[in-house]
Amino acid sequence: MRRLALIFLCVFYAGSLHAEEDNCNDFGANSHLPKIINSKLSPGTQLLCNKGYAALASSISHGPLWSAEHLWSDDVEAAERLKRAGHFYADTRFAGSADLQDYYNSIYDRGHMAPSGDQPTEASQAETYALSNVVPQTASLNEGIWSRVERRVRDMADDEGELYVVTGPAFHLRPIQTMGHDRVYVPSSTWKAVYSPSKNKASAYVCKNAQQHPHCTQVTVATLIRNVGIDPFPGVSAQIKAQAWKLPAP
């Protein structure tokens, strides 16, 4: 009887924590990770697979170009019960990683792309603090409307059962602002694309990385692709990516 109970608990635990995907591609919609469309972004990139997300890091920007997650409702519920804790660190798997000194005395926050608040285990939460998953964000964005965007997406995942989410920076200002001794790129905005398998719909938030009064807009995924040169959902049809889908307001 005790053995049966232990087997049941093991099966329940494994089934309730989906964040640790069996394959890195499982973080992409229909098993397709995001794809670079603008070839200028490709040099110096490295795919990094983690327990709760995958990221494409750039040795040019010294941060992620995208971080991809597959959110399940039971993971989101487990994450809500988990105490938020973690320490930022340079990603030693990646030679082009920023380091903690780059952010020392900076006016910018270390902004997660795959949020720690999405992760249901201490191990998967800890991995989100790698600087290969972090970009410089203003405090007013990171601690304000961006945080609300993250919560809205978790609420959607909880309601719908699962979502595919891809988050990344955009660098539209010229010259691109940099910071720290590694000259880490400071994004002009950060974006979060969402695909719902149950609704077969997709859309994206785009949020200005402004010091004062940052704001977010919503765009189709097709528009996002044209603007940032990255297709977050190459496994989703062009028709779905061209359609407008209103996401919850942050």
C-alpha atoms as a PDB file:
ATOM      1  CA  MET A   1       0.000   0.000   0.000  1.00  0.00           C
ATOM      2  CA  ARG A   2       2.802   2.400   0.903  1.00  0.00           C
ATOM      3  CA  ARG A   3       4.590   1.573  -2.343  1.00  0.00           C
ATOM      4  CA  LEU A   4       1.442   2.301  -4.344  1.00  0.00           C
ATOM      5  CA  ALA A   5       1.063   5.618  -2.555  1.00  0.00           C
ATOM      6  CA  LEU A   6       4.645   6.574  -3.387  1.00  0.00           C
ATOM      7  CA  ILE A   7       4.144   5.659  -7.036  1.00  0.00           C
ATOM      8  CA  PHE A   8       0.984   7.769  -7.128  1.00  0.00           C
ATOM      9  CA  LEU A   9       2.794  10.761  -5.638  1.00  0.00           C
ATOM     10  CA  CYS A  10       5.652  10.468  -8.116  1.00  0.00           C
ATOM     11  CA  VAL A  11       3.280  10.279 -11.067  1.00  0.00           C
ATOM     12  CA  PHE A  12       1.234  13.192  -9.724  1.00  0.00           C
ATOM     13  CA  TYR A  13       4.316  15.335  -9.184  1.00  0.00           C
ATOM     14  CA  ALA A  14       5.711  14.613 -12.648  1.00  0.00           C
ATOM     15  CA  GLY A  15       2.375  15.305 -14.285  1.00  0.00           C
ATOM     16  CA  SER A  16       1.744  18.547 -12.428  1.00  0.00           C
ATOM     17  CA  LEU A  17       5.039  20.262 -13.275  1.00  0.00           C
ATOM     18  CA  HIS A  18       5.247  20.713 -17.019  1.00  0.00           C
ATOM     19  CA  ALA A  19       7.918  23.451 -16.965  1.00  0.00           C
ATOM     20  CA  GLU A  20      10.769  20.944 -17.301  1.00  0.00           C
ATOM     21  CA  GLU A  21      10.091  20.009 -20.914  1.00  0.00           C
ATOM     22  CA  ASP A  22      11.640  16.845 -22.320  1.00  0.00           C
ATOM     23  CA  ASN A  23      13.037  18.688 -25.339  1.00  0.00           C
ATOM     24  CA  CYS A  24      14.124  22.290 -25.852  1.00  0.00           C
ATOM     25  CA  ASN A  25      11.832  22.545 -28.894  1.00  0.00           C
ATOM     26  CA  ASP A  26       8.853  21.865 -26.620  1.00  0.00           C
ATOM     27  CA  PHE A  27       9.042  25.485 -25.474  1.00  0.00           C
ATOM     28  CA  GLY A  28       8.002  26.514 -28.999  1.00  0.00           C
ATOM     29  CA  ALA A  29       4.470  26.403 -30.372  1.00  0.00           C
ATOM     30  CA  ASN A  30       3.980  23.179 -32.342  1.00  0.00           C
ATOM     31  CA  SER A  31       7.567  22.266 -31.369  1.00  0.00           C
ATOM     32  CA  HIS A  32       9.100  25.156 -33.336  1.00  0.00           C
ATOM     33  CA  LEU A  33      11.320  27.561 -31.425  1.00  0.00           C
ATOM     34  CA  PRO A  34      11.407  31.236 -32.485  1.00  0.00           C
ATOM     35  CA  LYS A  35      13.196  31.958 -35.740  1.00  0.00           C
ATOM     36  CA  ILE A  36      15.435  34.878 -36.696  1.00  0.00           C
ATOM     37  CA  ILE A  37      14.111  36.574 -39.842  1.00  0.00           C
ATOM     38  CA  ASN A  38      16.612  39.433 -39.952  1.00  0.00           C
ATOM     39  CA  SER A  39      19.943  37.731 -40.673  1.00  0.00           C
ATOM     40  CA  LYS A  40      21.847  40.667 -39.117  1.00  0.00           C
ATOM     41  CA  LEU A  41      20.752  39.350 -35.706  1.00  0.00           C
ATOM     42  CA  SER A  42      22.229  35.873 -36.228  1.00  0.00           C
ATOM     43  CA  PRO A  43      26.011  36.316 -35.663  1.00  0.00           C
ATOM     44  CA  GLY A  44      27.276  35.357 -32.223  1.00  0.00           C
ATOM     45  CA  THR A  45      24.072  33.686 -31.043  1.00  0.00           C
ATOM     46  CA  GLN A  46      23.767  30.583 -28.885  1.00  0.00           C
ATOM     47  CA  LEU A  47      20.685  28.565 -27.931  1.00  0.00           C
ATOM     48  CA  LEU A  48      20.469  27.901 -24.193  1.00  0.00           C
ATOM     49  CA  CYS A  49      18.031  25.300 -22.872  1.00  0.00           C
ATOM     50  CA  ASN A  50      16.807  25.513 -19.285  1.00  0.00           C
ATOM     51  CA  LYS A  51      14.299  23.705 -17.094  1.00  0.00           C
ATOM     52  CA  GLY A  52      11.513  26.230 -17.610  1.00  0.00           C
ATOM     53  CA  TYR A  53      12.441  28.139 -20.762  1.00  0.00           C
ATOM     54  CA  ALA A  54      14.746  28.347 -23.769  1.00  0.00           C
ATOM     55  CA  ALA A  55      16.707  31.480 -24.693  1.00  0.00           C
ATOM     56  CA  LEU A  56      18.718  32.668 -27.676  1.00  0.00           C
ATOM     57  CA  ALA A  57      21.629  34.717 -26.325  1.00  0.00           C
ATOM     58  CA  SER A  58      23.657  37.204 -28.378  1.00  0.00           C
ATOM     59  CA  SER A  59      27.338  38.014 -27.885  1.00  0.00           C
ATOM     60  CA  ILE A  60      26.659  41.338 -29.651  1.00  0.00           C
ATOM     61  CA  SER A  61      23.862  42.573 -27.375  1.00  0.00           C
ATOM     62  CA  HIS A  62      25.234  40.544 -24.398  1.00  0.00           C
ATOM     63  CA  GLY A  63      21.749  39.384 -23.513  1.00  0.00           C
ATOM     64  CA  PRO A  64      18.836  37.402 -24.926  1.00  0.00           C
ATOM     65  CA  LEU A  65      17.236  38.059 -28.298  1.00  0.00           C
ATOM     66  CA  TRP A  66      14.290  35.960 -27.115  1.00  0.00           C
ATOM     67  CA  SER A  67      13.185  33.707 -24.265  1.00  0.00           C
ATOM     68  CA  ALA A  68      10.479  31.118 -24.951  1.00  0.00           C
ATOM     69  CA  GLU A  69       8.141  29.450 -22.452  1.00  0.00           C
ATOM     70  CA  HIS A  70       5.339  26.890 -22.499  1.00  0.00           C
ATOM     71  CA  LEU A  71       3.058  27.877 -19.645  1.00  0.00           C
ATOM     72  CA  TRP A  72       0.616  25.398 -18.119  1.00  0.00           C
ATOM     73  CA  SER A  73      -2.134  26.313 -15.684  1.00  0.00           C
ATOM     74  CA  ASP A  74      -0.906  23.937 -12.972  1.00  0.00           C
ATOM     75  CA  ASP A  75       2.613  25.366 -13.262  1.00  0.00           C
ATOM     76  CA  VAL A  76       1.241  28.883 -12.848  1.00  0.00           C
ATOM     77  CA  GLU A  77      -0.690  27.821  -9.761  1.00  0.00           C
ATOM     78  CA  ALA A  78       2.423  26.150  -8.303  1.00  0.00           C
ATOM     79  CA  ALA A  79       4.462  29.283  -9.064  1.00  0.00           C
ATOM     80  CA  GLU A  80       1.986  31.409  -7.133  1.00  0.00           C
ATOM     81  CA  ARG A  81       2.626  29.283  -4.036  1.00  0.00           C
ATOM     82  CA  LEU A  82       6.410  29.448  -4.410  1.00  0.00           C
ATOM     83  CA  LYS A  83       8.310  32.157  -2.552  1.00  0.00           C
ATOM     84  CA  ARG A  84      10.063  34.492  -4.979  1.00  0.00           C
ATOM     85  CA  ALA A  85      13.827  34.262  -4.496  1.00  0.00           C
ATOM     86  CA  GLY A  86      16.936  34.298  -6.649  1.00  0.00           C
ATOM     87  CA  HIS A  87      20.320  35.872  -7.349  1.00  0.00           C
ATOM     88  CA  PHE A  88      21.431  37.238 -10.696  1.00  0.00           C
ATOM     89  CA  TYR A  89      24.532  35.647 -12.204  1.00  0.00           C
ATOM     90  CA  ALA A  90      26.604  35.633 -15.383  1.00  0.00           C
ATOM     91  CA  ASP A  91      25.799  32.640 -17.582  1.00  0.00           C
ATOM     92  CA  THR A  92      29.047  30.674 -17.797  1.00  0.00           C
ATOM     93  CA  ARG A  93      27.642  28.511 -20.619  1.00  0.00           C
ATOM     94  CA  PHE A  94      27.843  31.552 -22.868  1.00  0.00           C
ATOM     95  CA  ALA A  95      31.091  33.415 -23.518  1.00  0.00           C
ATOM     96  CA  GLY A  96      29.242  36.594 -24.512  1.00  0.00           C
ATOM     97  CA  SER A  97      27.229  36.899 -21.296  1.00  0.00           C
ATOM     98  CA  ALA A  98      26.978  40.196 -19.468  1.00  0.00           C
ATOM     99  CA  ASP A  99      28.255  40.149 -15.891  1.00  0.00           C
ATOM    100  CA  LEU A 100      27.098  41.725 -12.658  1.00  0.00           C
ATOM    101  CA  GLN A 101      29.560  44.612 -12.997  1.00  0.00           C
ATOM    102  CA  ASP A 102      27.757  45.762 -16.127  1.00  0.00           C
ATOM    103  CA  TYR A 103      24.752  46.613 -13.961  1.00  0.00           C
ATOM    104  CA  TYR A 104      26.707  48.044 -11.020  1.00  0.00           C
ATOM    105  CA  ASN A 105      25.615  51.639 -10.291  1.00  0.00           C
ATOM    106  CA  SER A 106      23.403  51.520 -13.382  1.00  0.00           C
ATOM    107  CA  ILE A 107      20.131  53.423 -13.645  1.00  0.00           C
ATOM    108  CA  TYR A 108      18.601  50.280 -15.195  1.00  0.00           C
ATOM    109  CA  ASP A 109      16.942  47.287 -13.565  1.00  0.00           C
ATOM    110  CA  ARG A 110      17.895  43.751 -14.534  1.00  0.00           C
ATOM    111  CA  GLY A 111      14.689  42.865 -16.348  1.00  0.00           C
ATOM    112  CA  HIS A 112      13.713  39.209 -16.750  1.00  0.00           C
ATOM    113  CA  MET A 113      12.476  38.119 -20.158  1.00  0.00           C
ATOM    114  CA  ALA A 114      11.182  34.723 -18.966  1.00  0.00           C
ATOM    115  CA  PRO A 115       9.835  35.854 -15.564  1.00  0.00           C
ATOM    116  CA  SER A 116      10.860  34.133 -12.362  1.00  0.00           C
ATOM    117  CA  GLY A 117       7.203  34.373 -11.329  1.00  0.00           C
ATOM    118  CA  ASP A 118       6.241  31.882 -14.069  1.00  0.00           C
ATOM    119  CA  GLN A 119       8.348  29.071 -12.634  1.00  0.00           C
ATOM    120  CA  PRO A 120       6.885  26.365 -10.341  1.00  0.00           C
ATOM    121  CA  THR A 121      10.107  25.009  -8.784  1.00  0.00           C
ATOM    122  CA  GLU A 122      13.057  26.563  -7.008  1.00  0.00           C
ATOM    123  CA  ALA A 123      15.453  25.133  -9.600  1.00  0.00           C
ATOM    124  CA  SER A 124      13.567  26.503 -12.617  1.00  0.00           C
ATOM    125  CA  GLN A 125      13.051  29.852 -10.869  1.00  0.00           C
ATOM    126  CA  ALA A 126      16.787  30.136 -10.120  1.00  0.00           C
ATOM    127  CA  GLU A 127      17.668  29.669 -13.805  1.00  0.00           C
ATOM    128  CA  THR A 128      15.651  32.734 -14.814  1.00  0.00           C
ATOM    129  CA  TYR A 129      18.212  34.892 -12.977  1.00  0.00           C
ATOM    130  CA  ALA A 130      20.919  34.083 -15.537  1.00  0.00           C
ATOM    131  CA  LEU A 131      21.962  37.295 -17.293  1.00  0.00           C
ATOM    132  CA  SER A 132      21.370  35.457 -20.585  1.00  0.00           C
ATOM    133  CA  ASN A 133      17.662  35.947 -19.723  1.00  0.00           C
ATOM    134  CA  VAL A 134      17.987  39.598 -18.675  1.00  0.00           C
ATOM    135  CA  VAL A 135      18.001  42.991 -20.413  1.00  0.00           C
ATOM    136  CA  PRO A 136      18.355  46.517 -18.994  1.00  0.00           C
ATOM    137  CA  GLN A 137      14.895  47.924 -18.225  1.00  0.00           C
ATOM    138  CA  THR A 138      13.951  51.193 -16.620  1.00  0.00           C
ATOM    139  CA  ALA A 139      12.598  50.809 -13.103  1.00  0.00           C
ATOM    140  CA  SER A 140       9.379  52.549 -14.129  1.00  0.00           C
ATOM    141  CA  LEU A 141       8.774  49.923 -16.824  1.00  0.00           C
ATOM    142  CA  ASN A 142      10.064  46.830 -15.003  1.00  0.00           C
ATOM    143  CA  GLU A 143       8.291  47.517 -11.732  1.00  0.00           C
ATOM    144  CA  GLY A 144       5.169  48.991 -13.276  1.00  0.00           C
ATOM    145  CA  ILE A 145       3.278  48.128 -16.455  1.00  0.00           C
ATOM    146  CA  TRP A 146       5.700  45.335 -17.479  1.00  0.00           C
ATOM    147  CA  SER A 147       5.053  43.539 -14.200  1.00  0.00           C
ATOM    148  CA  ARG A 148       1.322  43.831 -14.883  1.00  0.00           C
ATOM    149  CA  VAL A 149       1.787  42.383 -18.380  1.00  0.00           C
ATOM    150  CA  GLU A 150       3.499  39.361 -16.823  1.00  0.00           C
ATOM    151  CA  ARG A 151       0.622  38.877 -14.377  1.00  0.00           C
ATOM    152  CA  ARG A 152      -2.007  39.171 -17.123  1.00  0.00           C
ATOM    153  CA  VAL A 153      -0.245  36.465 -19.132  1.00  0.00           C
ATOM    154  CA  ARG A 154      -0.136  34.160 -16.110  1.00  0.00           C
ATOM    155  CA  ASP A 155      -3.859  34.788 -15.548  1.00  0.00           C
ATOM    156  CA  MET A 156      -4.511  33.856 -19.191  1.00  0.00           C
ATOM    157  CA  ALA A 157      -2.507  30.636 -18.851  1.00  0.00           C
ATOM    158  CA  ASP A 158      -4.444  29.785 -15.695  1.00  0.00           C
ATOM    159  CA  ASP A 159      -7.768  30.357 -17.479  1.00  0.00           C
ATOM    160  CA  GLU A 160      -6.955  28.663 -20.783  1.00  0.00           C
ATOM    161  CA  GLY A 161      -4.862  25.722 -19.588  1.00  0.00           C
ATOM    162  CA  GLU A 162      -1.725  26.499 -21.590  1.00  0.00           C
ATOM    163  CA  LEU A 163       0.004  29.270 -23.529  1.00  0.00           C
ATOM    164  CA  TYR A 164       3.169  29.653 -25.541  1.00  0.00           C
ATOM    165  CA  VAL A 165       4.952  32.888 -24.651  1.00  0.00           C
ATOM    166  CA  VAL A 166       8.021  34.476 -26.233  1.00  0.00           C
ATOM    167  CA  THR A 167       9.620  37.606 -24.783  1.00  0.00           C
ATOM    168  CA  GLY A 168      12.447  39.759 -26.103  1.00  0.00           C
ATOM    169  CA  PRO A 169      14.016  43.174 -26.612  1.00  0.00           C
ATOM    170  CA  ALA A 170      13.911  45.541 -29.577  1.00  0.00           C
ATOM    171  CA  PHE A 171      16.691  47.982 -30.475  1.00  0.00           C
ATOM    172  CA  HIS A 172      15.247  50.726 -32.648  1.00  0.00           C
ATOM    173  CA  LEU A 173      17.183  53.791 -31.464  1.00  0.00           C
ATOM    174  CA  ARG A 174      20.284  54.828 -33.384  1.00  0.00           C
ATOM    175  CA  PRO A 175      22.874  54.778 -32.107  1.00  0.00           C
ATOM    176  CA  ILE A 176      21.923  51.899 -29.807  1.00  0.00           C
ATOM    177  CA  GLN A 177      22.495  52.878 -26.195  1.00  0.00           C
ATOM    178  CA  THR A 178      24.910  50.637 -24.281  1.00  0.00           C
ATOM    179  CA  MET A 179      25.953  50.269 -20.636  1.00  0.00           C
ATOM    180  CA  GLY A 180      28.741  48.689 -18.586  1.00  0.00           C
ATOM    181  CA  HIS A 181      32.218  47.550 -19.574  1.00  0.00           C
ATOM    182  CA  ASP A 182      30.724  44.892 -21.888  1.00  0.00           C
ATOM    183  CA  ARG A 183      28.625  47.554 -23.650  1.00  0.00           C
ATOM    184  CA  VAL A 184      25.377  45.710 -23.020  1.00  0.00           C
ATOM    185  CA  TYR A 185      22.650  46.857 -25.418  1.00  0.00           C
ATOM    186  CA  VAL A 186      19.816  48.826 -23.814  1.00  0.00           C
ATOM    187  CA  PRO A 187      16.534  48.048 -25.618  1.00  0.00           C
ATOM    188  CA  SER A 188      14.216  50.785 -26.851  1.00  0.00           C
ATOM    189  CA  SER A 189      11.316  48.480 -25.981  1.00  0.00           C
ATOM    190  CA  THR A 190      10.563  44.976 -24.795  1.00  0.00           C
ATOM    191  CA  TRP A 191       7.874  42.727 -26.231  1.00  0.00           C
ATOM    192  CA  LYS A 192       5.915  39.653 -25.199  1.00  0.00           C
ATOM    193  CA  ALA A 193       4.150  37.491 -27.804  1.00  0.00           C
ATOM    194  CA  VAL A 194       1.378  35.118 -26.736  1.00  0.00           C
ATOM    195  CA  TYR A 195      -0.147  32.157 -28.577  1.00  0.00           C
ATOM    196  CA  SER A 196      -3.193  30.297 -27.267  1.00  0.00           C
ATOM    197  CA  PRO A 197      -3.519  26.731 -28.643  1.00  0.00           C
ATOM    198  CA  SER A 198      -7.107  26.449 -27.382  1.00  0.00           C
ATOM    199  CA  LYS A 199      -8.186  29.629 -29.178  1.00  0.00           C
ATOM    200  CA  ASN A 200      -5.664  29.280 -32.024  1.00  0.00           C
ATOM    201  CA  LYS A 201      -4.958  32.999 -31.709  1.00  0.00           C
ATOM    202  CA  ALA A 202      -1.833  35.055 -31.190  1.00  0.00           C
ATOM    203  CA  SER A 203      -0.892  38.641 -30.396  1.00  0.00           C
ATOM    204  CA  ALA A 204       1.865  40.664 -28.747  1.00  0.00           C
ATOM    205  CA  TYR A 205       2.479  43.397 -26.200  1.00  0.00           C
ATOM    206  CA  VAL A 206       5.157  45.983 -27.049  1.00  0.00           C
ATOM    207  CA  CYS A 207       6.277  48.227 -24.173  1.00  0.00           C
ATOM    208  CA  LYS A 208       8.512  51.305 -24.459  1.00  0.00           C
ATOM    209  CA  ASN A 209      11.594  51.185 -22.244  1.00  0.00           C
ATOM    210  CA  ALA A 210      11.106  54.779 -21.111  1.00  0.00           C
ATOM    211  CA  GLN A 211      12.356  56.429 -17.931  1.00  0.00           C
ATOM    212  CA  GLN A 212       9.057  58.251 -17.424  1.00  0.00           C
ATOM    213  CA  HIS A 213       5.522  57.046 -18.131  1.00  0.00           C
ATOM    214  CA  PRO A 214       6.325  53.888 -20.138  1.00  0.00           C
ATOM    215  CA  HIS A 215       3.358  52.525 -22.035  1.00  0.00           C
ATOM    216  CA  CYS A 216       2.426  49.369 -23.916  1.00  0.00           C
ATOM    217  CA  THR A 217       0.625  48.795 -27.191  1.00  0.00           C
ATOM    218  CA  GLN A 218      -0.729  45.614 -28.758  1.00  0.00           C
ATOM    219  CA  VAL A 219       0.231  44.511 -32.257  1.00  0.00           C
ATOM    220  CA  THR A 220      -0.327  41.485 -34.450  1.00  0.00           C
ATOM    221  CA  VAL A 221       2.464  38.935 -34.513  1.00  0.00           C
ATOM    222  CA  ALA A 222       2.982  39.728 -38.204  1.00  0.00           C
ATOM    223  CA  THR A 223       3.639  43.375 -37.288  1.00  0.00           C
ATOM    224  CA  LEU A 224       6.008  42.310 -34.517  1.00  0.00           C
ATOM    225  CA  ILE A 225       7.965  40.138 -36.966  1.00  0.00           C
ATOM    226  CA  ARG A 226       8.391  43.054 -39.380  1.00  0.00           C
ATOM    227  CA  ASN A 227       9.532  45.372 -36.607  1.00  0.00           C
ATOM    228  CA  VAL A 228      11.944  43.147 -34.651  1.00  0.00           C
ATOM    229  CA  GLY A 229      13.109  40.595 -37.248  1.00  0.00           C
ATOM    230  CA  ILE A 230      12.154  37.585 -35.123  1.00  0.00           C
ATOM    231  CA  ASP A 231       9.233  35.208 -35.669  1.00  0.00           C
ATOM    232  CA  PRO A 232       8.150  34.037 -32.199  1.00  0.00           C
ATOM    233  CA  PHE A 233       5.854  31.333 -33.573  1.00  0.00           C
ATOM    234  CA  PRO A 234       7.179  29.850 -36.852  1.00  0.00           C
ATOM    235  CA  GLY A 235       4.970  26.784 -36.271  1.00  0.00           C
ATOM    236  CA  VAL A 236       1.795  28.905 -36.397  1.00  0.00           C
ATOM    237  CA  SER A 237       0.066  29.841 -39.660  1.00  0.00           C
ATOM    238  CA  ALA A 238       0.612  33.227 -41.309  1.00  0.00           C
ATOM    239  CA  GLN A 239      -3.139  33.805 -41.190  1.00  0.00           C
ATOM    240  CA  ILE A 240      -3.194  33.536 -37.376  1.00  0.00           C
ATOM    241  CA  LYS A 241      -0.162  35.826 -37.086  1.00  0.00           C
ATOM    242  CA  ALA A 242      -1.827  38.454 -39.281  1.00  0.00           C
ATOM    243  CA  GLN A 243      -5.072  38.541 -37.292  1.00  0.00           C
ATOM    244  CA  ALA A 244      -5.595  40.984 -34.440  1.00  0.00           C
ATOM    245  CA  TRP A 245      -6.398  39.385 -31.087  1.00  0.00           C
ATOM    246  CA  LYS A 246      -7.057  41.680 -28.153  1.00  0.00           C
ATOM    247  CA  LEU A 247      -5.092  40.666 -25.087  1.00  0.00           C
ATOM    248  CA  PRO A 248      -6.047  41.764 -21.549  1.00  0.00           C
ATOM    249  CA  ALA A 249      -5.038  45.360 -20.807  1.00  0.00           C
ATOM    250  CA  PRO A 250      -2.157  45.613 -18.300  1.00  0.00           C
END
